[in-house]
Amino acid sequence: MQRRKFLGTASAGAAVGALAAPAIVRAQPTVRWRLASSFPKSLDTIYGSAEVVARRVAQITNNRFQITVHAAGEIVPGLQVLDAVQNGTVEAGHTAMYYYFGKEPSWAVGTAIPFGLNQRQYNAWWHQGGGEKVFNEFARKSGVVCFLNGNTGAQMGGWFRKEINTVDDLKGLKFRVGGFAGQVLTKLGVVPQQIAGGDIYPALEKGTIDAAEWVGPYDDEKLGFNKVAKFYYYPGWWEGGPALHSIVNQKALDALPPDFRAAWEAANEEGNTAMMARYDAGNPQALKRLVAGGTVLRAFPRPVMEACFKATQEVYAETMAKSAEFKKLHDHYFGFQRDQITWFRVTENTFDDFMASARR
């Protein structure tokens, strides 16, 4: 009797639970965000990272948290994403924080600054070295919170119409490059131009600029820079490991239920991992195609690199004297880099150098 009574009670409880479940689902909130990207849809890897986030958030939350991704220009121009998130035009954005260097130089540390961390080192700094904490202490003062979502790895130095053999060859060069790199190169006679990704090709084609840097072979091939400039230089010393971020309006973030926020954070981690993997897979074949098509690959001469390094330290000193925020971030970031370089020299670089020569 007791067993039959227990089974009957359990069955009734299960039935009540089954009937109650739909009511619970209906009671849970639905959140809809708009996300403005700084990038055109043609750049499937960078733009696609935001799509990865939107897709995964929807899957994790059973479509209760939906994000629509908008390419540069659909809601706001690519270089105005931070403003749009700050003022609540959109809840979120996906962008490179150094685009906002002109507002305050500290923003550049979020993406990359000259002769800085590589991709792995940046991930370590952000997640384990206190980088996320110190950078978001700064970002929250502007009403936004930044979540790491992507890295391109060390970038190329860009496309040039003429060879760069000496520092003097930089003088008077109209070069699409922004942020700290622009200030550094100004000291060497370059005239920097900050132009959004989708506008670089026509500027280079028309001769409005003499040279342009973007990312690396995979993206540069898509944008067709090899059709309007012959010489392809490396490395992009100003972007050793440039990070991209999903940025969120602080009020919108605070309004998220805890499980939706967890879904957002997890999805950004997936986007971050996927971007570097896609570039590492796509860049080698793209570079082969570019060289086969007539692109002339060149390394910046050592004297040019040394002049740029020297000028960079001058710019850092000048900037720290003007901005306490930047000094705090600079010291934290490069303090972390010192130990990283020591470690990488021991085995990582040694292994890579050997493999490069062994497989040549």
Protein backbone atom coordinates (compact mmCIF):
# COMPACT_ATOMS: atom_id res chain seq x y z
CA MET A 1 0.00 0.00 0.00
CA GLN A 2 2.72 2.48 0.97
CA ARG A 3 4.59 1.80 -2.29
CA ARG A 4 1.43 2.33 -4.37
CA LYS A 5 0.68 5.52 -2.43
CA PHE A 6 4.22 6.83 -3.03
CA LEU A 7 4.07 6.08 -6.76
CA GLY A 8 0.72 7.78 -7.03
CA THR A 9 2.00 10.87 -5.25
CA ALA A 10 5.15 10.95 -7.38
CA SER A 11 3.10 10.66 -10.59
CA ALA A 12 0.87 13.49 -9.50
CA GLY A 13 3.87 15.65 -8.69
CA ALA A 14 5.42 14.94 -12.07
CA ALA A 15 2.16 15.87 -13.77
CA VAL A 16 1.98 19.15 -11.87
CA GLY A 17 5.60 19.88 -12.82
CA ALA A 18 4.89 19.13 -16.47
CA LEU A 19 1.90 21.47 -16.46
CA ALA A 20 3.79 24.21 -14.60
CA ALA A 21 6.88 24.21 -16.83
CA PRO A 22 5.37 26.12 -19.79
CA ALA A 23 4.09 28.81 -17.43
CA ILE A 24 7.62 29.24 -16.04
CA VAL A 25 9.08 29.55 -19.55
CA ARG A 26 6.47 32.16 -20.49
CA ALA A 27 7.31 34.15 -17.38
CA GLN A 28 11.00 34.42 -18.25
CA PRO A 29 11.99 37.69 -19.96
CA THR A 30 12.87 38.23 -23.59
CA VAL A 31 15.69 40.67 -24.28
CA ARG A 32 16.46 42.18 -27.66
CA TRP A 33 19.66 44.09 -28.31
CA ARG A 34 21.08 45.81 -31.35
CA LEU A 35 24.83 45.53 -31.85
CA ALA A 36 26.65 47.99 -34.13
CA SER A 37 29.85 46.71 -35.72
CA SER A 38 32.73 48.90 -36.84
CA PHE A 39 33.32 46.53 -39.76
CA PRO A 40 31.76 45.74 -43.14
CA LYS A 41 30.15 42.34 -43.77
CA SER A 42 32.80 41.56 -46.40
CA LEU A 43 35.31 41.06 -43.57
CA ASP A 44 33.74 37.79 -42.53
CA THR A 45 36.26 37.04 -39.80
CA ILE A 46 36.14 40.32 -37.89
CA TYR A 47 32.50 41.09 -38.61
CA GLY A 48 31.67 37.42 -38.17
CA SER A 49 32.89 37.40 -34.59
CA ALA A 50 29.88 39.47 -33.55
CA GLU A 51 27.63 37.06 -35.46
CA VAL A 52 29.15 34.18 -33.49
CA VAL A 53 28.15 35.94 -30.27
CA ALA A 54 24.61 36.69 -31.42
CA ARG A 55 24.05 33.13 -32.63
CA ARG A 56 25.42 31.48 -29.48
CA VAL A 57 23.54 33.77 -27.09
CA ALA A 58 20.29 32.86 -28.83
CA GLN A 59 21.06 29.15 -28.69
CA ILE A 60 22.02 29.18 -25.01
CA THR A 61 18.90 31.12 -23.97
CA ASN A 62 16.43 29.30 -26.24
CA ASN A 63 16.02 32.52 -28.26
CA ARG A 64 15.00 34.53 -25.22
CA PHE A 65 18.05 36.82 -25.64
CA GLN A 66 18.27 38.00 -29.22
CA ILE A 67 20.94 40.25 -30.71
CA THR A 68 20.82 41.71 -34.22
CA VAL A 69 24.21 42.61 -35.70
CA HIS A 70 24.50 45.69 -37.92
CA ALA A 71 27.47 46.39 -40.19
CA ALA A 72 29.31 49.70 -40.22
CA GLY A 73 27.09 52.40 -41.66
CA GLU A 74 23.77 50.62 -41.10
CA ILE A 75 23.07 52.44 -37.83
CA VAL A 76 26.20 54.53 -37.28
CA PRO A 77 29.54 54.88 -39.11
CA GLY A 78 32.24 52.44 -38.13
CA LEU A 79 34.22 54.96 -36.11
CA GLN A 80 31.21 56.09 -34.06
CA VAL A 81 30.31 52.79 -32.40
CA LEU A 82 31.58 53.83 -28.97
CA ASP A 83 29.43 56.97 -29.06
CA ALA A 84 26.37 54.95 -30.07
CA VAL A 85 26.84 52.55 -27.14
CA GLN A 86 27.53 55.35 -24.68
CA ASN A 87 24.40 57.31 -25.54
CA GLY A 88 22.17 54.24 -25.78
CA THR A 89 21.48 54.38 -29.51
CA VAL A 90 22.42 50.69 -29.41
CA GLU A 91 22.94 48.40 -26.45
CA ALA A 92 26.22 46.93 -27.73
CA GLY A 93 28.96 47.30 -30.27
CA HIS A 94 31.89 45.36 -31.69
CA THR A 95 34.89 47.53 -32.37
CA ALA A 96 38.59 48.26 -31.97
CA MET A 97 39.05 50.48 -28.94
CA TYR A 98 42.01 52.33 -30.44
CA TYR A 99 39.62 53.97 -32.91
CA TYR A 100 38.75 56.29 -30.01
CA PHE A 101 42.32 57.31 -29.28
CA GLY A 102 41.39 60.92 -30.06
CA LYS A 103 38.94 61.01 -27.14
CA GLU A 104 41.53 59.75 -24.66
CA PRO A 105 44.76 57.88 -25.50
CA SER A 106 43.99 55.21 -22.89
CA TRP A 107 41.40 53.66 -25.22
CA ALA A 108 44.23 52.47 -27.48
CA VAL A 109 45.58 50.14 -24.79
CA GLY A 110 42.41 48.09 -25.18
CA THR A 111 43.35 47.10 -28.71
CA ALA A 112 47.07 47.50 -29.30
CA ILE A 113 49.85 50.01 -28.82
CA PRO A 114 53.20 50.01 -30.62
CA PHE A 115 55.68 47.27 -29.72
CA GLY A 116 53.15 45.76 -27.34
CA LEU A 117 51.78 42.34 -26.45
CA ASN A 118 51.24 39.59 -28.99
CA GLN A 119 47.93 37.72 -29.17
CA ARG A 120 48.70 35.06 -26.57
CA GLN A 121 50.26 37.57 -24.22
CA TYR A 122 47.27 39.87 -24.54
CA ASN A 123 44.86 37.05 -23.67
CA ALA A 124 46.98 36.25 -20.63
CA TRP A 125 47.10 39.91 -19.58
CA TRP A 126 43.34 40.36 -20.00
CA HIS A 127 42.19 37.18 -18.30
CA GLN A 128 44.94 36.40 -15.77
CA GLY A 129 47.14 39.46 -15.48
CA GLY A 130 44.55 41.97 -14.29
CA GLY A 131 44.10 43.62 -17.68
CA GLU A 132 40.32 43.25 -17.77
CA LYS A 133 39.97 44.82 -14.33
CA VAL A 134 42.23 47.80 -14.93
CA PHE A 135 40.91 48.54 -18.42
CA ASN A 136 37.26 48.33 -17.42
CA GLU A 137 37.90 50.59 -14.43
CA PHE A 138 38.76 53.15 -17.10
CA ALA A 139 35.96 52.19 -19.54
CA ARG A 140 33.19 52.33 -16.92
CA LYS A 141 33.89 56.03 -16.44
CA SER A 142 32.41 56.42 -19.93
CA GLY A 143 29.39 54.25 -19.16
CA VAL A 144 30.52 51.14 -21.05
CA VAL A 145 31.95 47.71 -20.22
CA CYS A 146 34.32 45.87 -22.57
CA PHE A 147 34.39 42.12 -23.23
CA LEU A 148 37.27 40.58 -25.16
CA ASN A 149 36.01 39.28 -28.50
CA GLY A 150 38.73 38.59 -31.02
CA ASN A 151 42.33 39.15 -31.97
CA THR A 152 43.92 39.22 -35.41
CA GLY A 153 47.41 38.22 -34.30
CA ALA A 154 50.44 40.23 -35.39
CA GLN A 155 49.43 42.33 -38.35
CA MET A 156 51.19 43.21 -41.56
CA GLY A 157 52.86 46.59 -41.98
CA GLY A 158 50.70 47.56 -44.93
CA TRP A 159 50.61 48.26 -48.65
CA PHE A 160 52.94 50.82 -50.21
CA ARG A 161 53.25 52.23 -53.71
CA LYS A 162 57.00 52.55 -53.31
CA GLU A 163 59.76 50.72 -51.44
CA ILE A 164 60.78 51.76 -47.94
CA ASN A 165 64.55 51.38 -47.74
CA THR A 166 65.45 54.13 -45.25
CA VAL A 167 63.75 56.30 -42.66
CA ASP A 168 63.86 59.17 -45.16
CA ASP A 169 61.50 57.24 -47.43
CA LEU A 170 58.77 57.78 -44.86
CA LYS A 171 58.86 61.56 -45.12
CA GLY A 172 55.71 63.05 -46.62
CA LEU A 173 54.04 59.65 -46.95
CA LYS A 174 50.24 59.82 -46.60
CA PHE A 175 49.61 56.61 -44.71
CA ARG A 176 46.31 55.15 -43.50
CA VAL A 177 47.24 54.38 -39.91
CA GLY A 178 45.76 55.66 -36.69
CA GLY A 179 46.19 55.93 -32.96
CA PHE A 180 49.64 55.79 -31.46
CA ALA A 181 51.19 54.52 -34.66
CA GLY A 182 50.09 57.71 -36.37
CA GLN A 183 51.71 59.86 -33.69
CA VAL A 184 54.91 57.83 -33.80
CA LEU A 185 55.17 58.01 -37.58
CA THR A 186 54.46 61.74 -37.53
CA LYS A 187 57.80 62.14 -35.76
CA LEU A 188 59.40 60.43 -38.77
CA GLY A 189 57.66 62.64 -41.33
CA VAL A 190 54.61 60.51 -42.16
CA VAL A 191 51.19 62.15 -42.60
CA PRO A 192 48.79 59.71 -40.88
CA GLN A 193 45.21 59.23 -42.06
CA GLN A 194 42.52 57.45 -40.01
CA ILE A 195 40.04 55.84 -42.41
CA ALA A 196 37.47 53.11 -41.69
CA GLY A 197 38.09 49.69 -43.28
CA GLY A 198 35.48 49.97 -45.99
CA ASP A 199 36.85 53.31 -47.22
CA ILE A 200 40.53 52.40 -47.56
CA TYR A 201 40.48 50.90 -51.06
CA PRO A 202 39.00 53.93 -52.86
CA ALA A 203 41.39 56.26 -51.03
CA LEU A 204 44.37 54.16 -52.08
CA GLU A 205 43.05 53.73 -55.61
CA LYS A 206 42.50 57.47 -56.12
CA GLY A 207 45.87 58.38 -54.64
CA THR A 208 44.34 60.24 -51.71
CA ILE A 209 46.76 58.17 -49.64
CA ASP A 210 50.13 56.63 -50.58
CA ALA A 211 49.99 53.59 -48.31
CA ALA A 212 47.56 51.76 -46.05
CA GLU A 213 47.60 49.12 -43.37
CA TRP A 214 44.64 46.99 -42.42
CA VAL A 215 45.09 43.50 -40.95
CA GLY A 216 46.80 40.70 -42.86
CA PRO A 217 46.63 38.59 -46.01
CA TYR A 218 43.20 37.05 -45.47
CA ASP A 219 41.39 40.38 -45.09
CA ASP A 220 43.71 42.44 -47.28
CA GLU A 221 43.12 40.11 -50.21
CA LYS A 222 39.36 40.47 -49.78
CA LEU A 223 39.66 44.24 -49.83
CA GLY A 224 41.79 44.12 -52.97
CA PHE A 225 44.69 46.27 -51.82
CA ASN A 226 47.10 44.25 -53.99
CA LYS A 227 45.37 45.74 -57.05
CA VAL A 228 46.37 49.29 -56.17
CA ALA A 229 49.69 48.91 -54.31
CA LYS A 230 52.60 46.59 -55.05
CA PHE A 231 54.77 46.41 -51.95
CA TYR A 232 53.52 44.53 -48.89
CA TYR A 233 55.54 45.23 -45.74
CA TYR A 234 55.85 43.48 -42.38
CA PRO A 235 55.64 43.44 -39.42
CA GLY A 236 52.95 45.83 -38.23
CA TRP A 237 54.98 46.81 -35.16
CA TRP A 238 52.11 48.95 -33.93
CA GLU A 239 49.81 45.91 -33.72
CA GLY A 240 51.61 42.87 -32.37
CA GLY A 241 48.38 41.37 -31.05
CA PRO A 242 45.44 43.73 -31.56
CA ALA A 243 42.30 42.79 -29.66
CA LEU A 244 38.69 43.49 -30.57
CA HIS A 245 35.99 44.01 -27.98
CA SER A 246 32.27 43.76 -27.59
CA ILE A 247 31.27 46.87 -25.69
CA VAL A 248 28.03 47.19 -23.77
CA ASN A 249 26.14 50.14 -22.35
CA GLN A 250 26.52 49.84 -18.57
CA LYS A 251 22.78 50.27 -17.90
CA ALA A 252 21.86 47.64 -20.50
CA LEU A 253 24.35 45.21 -18.98
CA ASP A 254 23.08 45.82 -15.45
CA ALA A 255 19.51 45.07 -16.61
CA LEU A 256 20.40 41.58 -17.88
CA PRO A 257 19.23 38.59 -15.83
CA PRO A 258 22.23 36.63 -14.46
CA ASP A 259 21.77 33.70 -16.87
CA PHE A 260 21.63 36.05 -19.88
CA ARG A 261 24.80 37.76 -18.75
CA ALA A 262 26.50 34.38 -18.38
CA ALA A 263 25.40 33.51 -21.93
CA TRP A 264 26.80 36.83 -23.19
CA GLU A 265 30.16 36.27 -21.50
CA ALA A 266 30.47 32.68 -22.75
CA ALA A 267 29.55 33.66 -26.30
CA ASN A 268 32.22 36.36 -26.36
CA GLU A 269 34.81 33.86 -25.23
CA GLU A 270 33.83 31.64 -28.15
CA GLY A 271 34.04 34.56 -30.56
CA ASN A 272 37.45 35.48 -29.20
CA THR A 273 38.85 31.99 -29.74
CA ALA A 274 37.26 31.54 -33.15
CA MET A 275 38.66 34.72 -34.68
CA MET A 276 42.32 33.89 -34.10
CA ALA A 277 41.81 30.33 -35.32
CA ARG A 278 40.20 31.56 -38.53
CA TYR A 279 43.02 34.00 -39.22
CA ASP A 280 45.70 31.42 -38.52
CA ALA A 281 43.98 29.04 -40.92
CA GLY A 282 43.30 31.62 -43.64
CA ASN A 283 46.39 33.85 -43.73
CA PRO A 284 48.95 31.34 -45.12
CA GLN A 285 46.98 30.47 -48.25
CA ALA A 286 45.98 34.09 -48.84
CA LEU A 287 49.63 35.16 -48.64
CA LYS A 288 50.62 32.51 -51.16
CA ARG A 289 47.96 33.75 -53.58
CA LEU A 290 49.01 37.37 -53.17
CA VAL A 291 52.68 36.64 -53.83
CA ALA A 292 51.80 34.43 -56.80
CA GLY A 293 49.76 37.32 -58.17
CA GLY A 294 52.67 39.74 -58.13
CA THR A 295 52.70 41.19 -54.63
CA VAL A 296 56.24 42.03 -53.50
CA LEU A 297 56.81 41.00 -49.89
CA ARG A 298 59.25 43.14 -47.89
CA ALA A 299 60.40 43.36 -44.27
CA PHE A 300 60.85 46.81 -42.81
CA PRO A 301 64.62 47.41 -42.65
CA ARG A 302 66.15 47.13 -39.18
CA PRO A 303 67.13 50.85 -39.06
CA VAL A 304 63.51 51.78 -39.80
CA MET A 305 62.26 49.50 -37.02
CA GLU A 306 64.79 50.95 -34.57
CA ALA A 307 63.82 54.53 -35.47
CA CYS A 308 60.16 53.64 -34.93
CA PHE A 309 60.91 52.04 -31.56
CA LYS A 310 62.82 55.12 -30.42
CA ALA A 311 60.05 57.46 -31.56
CA THR A 312 57.48 55.26 -29.80
CA GLN A 313 59.19 55.68 -26.44
CA GLU A 314 59.17 59.46 -26.95
CA VAL A 315 55.43 59.43 -27.69
CA TYR A 316 54.74 57.27 -24.64
CA ALA A 317 56.67 59.66 -22.39
CA GLU A 318 54.80 62.67 -23.79
CA THR A 319 51.43 60.96 -23.44
CA MET A 320 52.03 59.79 -19.88
CA ALA A 321 52.95 63.34 -18.90
CA LYS A 322 49.50 64.48 -20.09
CA SER A 323 47.29 61.58 -19.01
CA ALA A 324 47.40 59.86 -15.63
CA GLU A 325 44.88 57.31 -16.95
CA PHE A 326 47.22 56.36 -19.77
CA LYS A 327 50.24 56.14 -17.45
CA LYS A 328 48.39 53.73 -15.19
CA LEU A 329 47.43 51.46 -18.09
CA HIS A 330 50.82 51.78 -19.80
CA ASP A 331 52.75 50.75 -16.68
CA HIS A 332 50.42 47.83 -15.99
CA TYR A 333 50.50 46.58 -19.59
CA PHE A 334 54.25 46.84 -20.17
CA GLY A 335 55.01 45.54 -16.69
CA PHE A 336 53.21 42.37 -17.72
CA GLN A 337 55.02 42.30 -21.08
CA ARG A 338 58.49 42.22 -19.48
CA ASP A 339 57.94 38.84 -17.87
CA GLN A 340 56.21 37.53 -20.98
CA ILE A 341 59.18 38.39 -23.20
CA THR A 342 61.56 36.66 -20.79
CA TRP A 343 59.46 33.50 -20.89
CA PHE A 344 58.89 33.49 -24.65
CA ARG A 345 62.62 33.88 -25.29
CA VAL A 346 63.35 30.71 -23.35
CA THR A 347 61.37 28.20 -25.36
CA GLU A 348 58.53 29.60 -27.47
CA ASN A 349 60.71 31.76 -29.72
CA THR A 350 63.50 29.18 -29.78
CA PHE A 351 61.10 26.51 -31.01
CA ASP A 352 59.50 28.81 -33.60
CA ASP A 353 62.88 29.96 -34.94
CA PHE A 354 64.11 26.39 -35.30
CA MET A 355 60.95 25.25 -37.07
CA ALA A 356 61.10 28.21 -39.45
CA SER A 357 64.61 27.25 -40.52
CA ALA A 358 63.99 23.48 -40.52
CA ARG A 359 60.91 23.76 -42.76
CA ARG A 360 62.34 26.40 -45.08
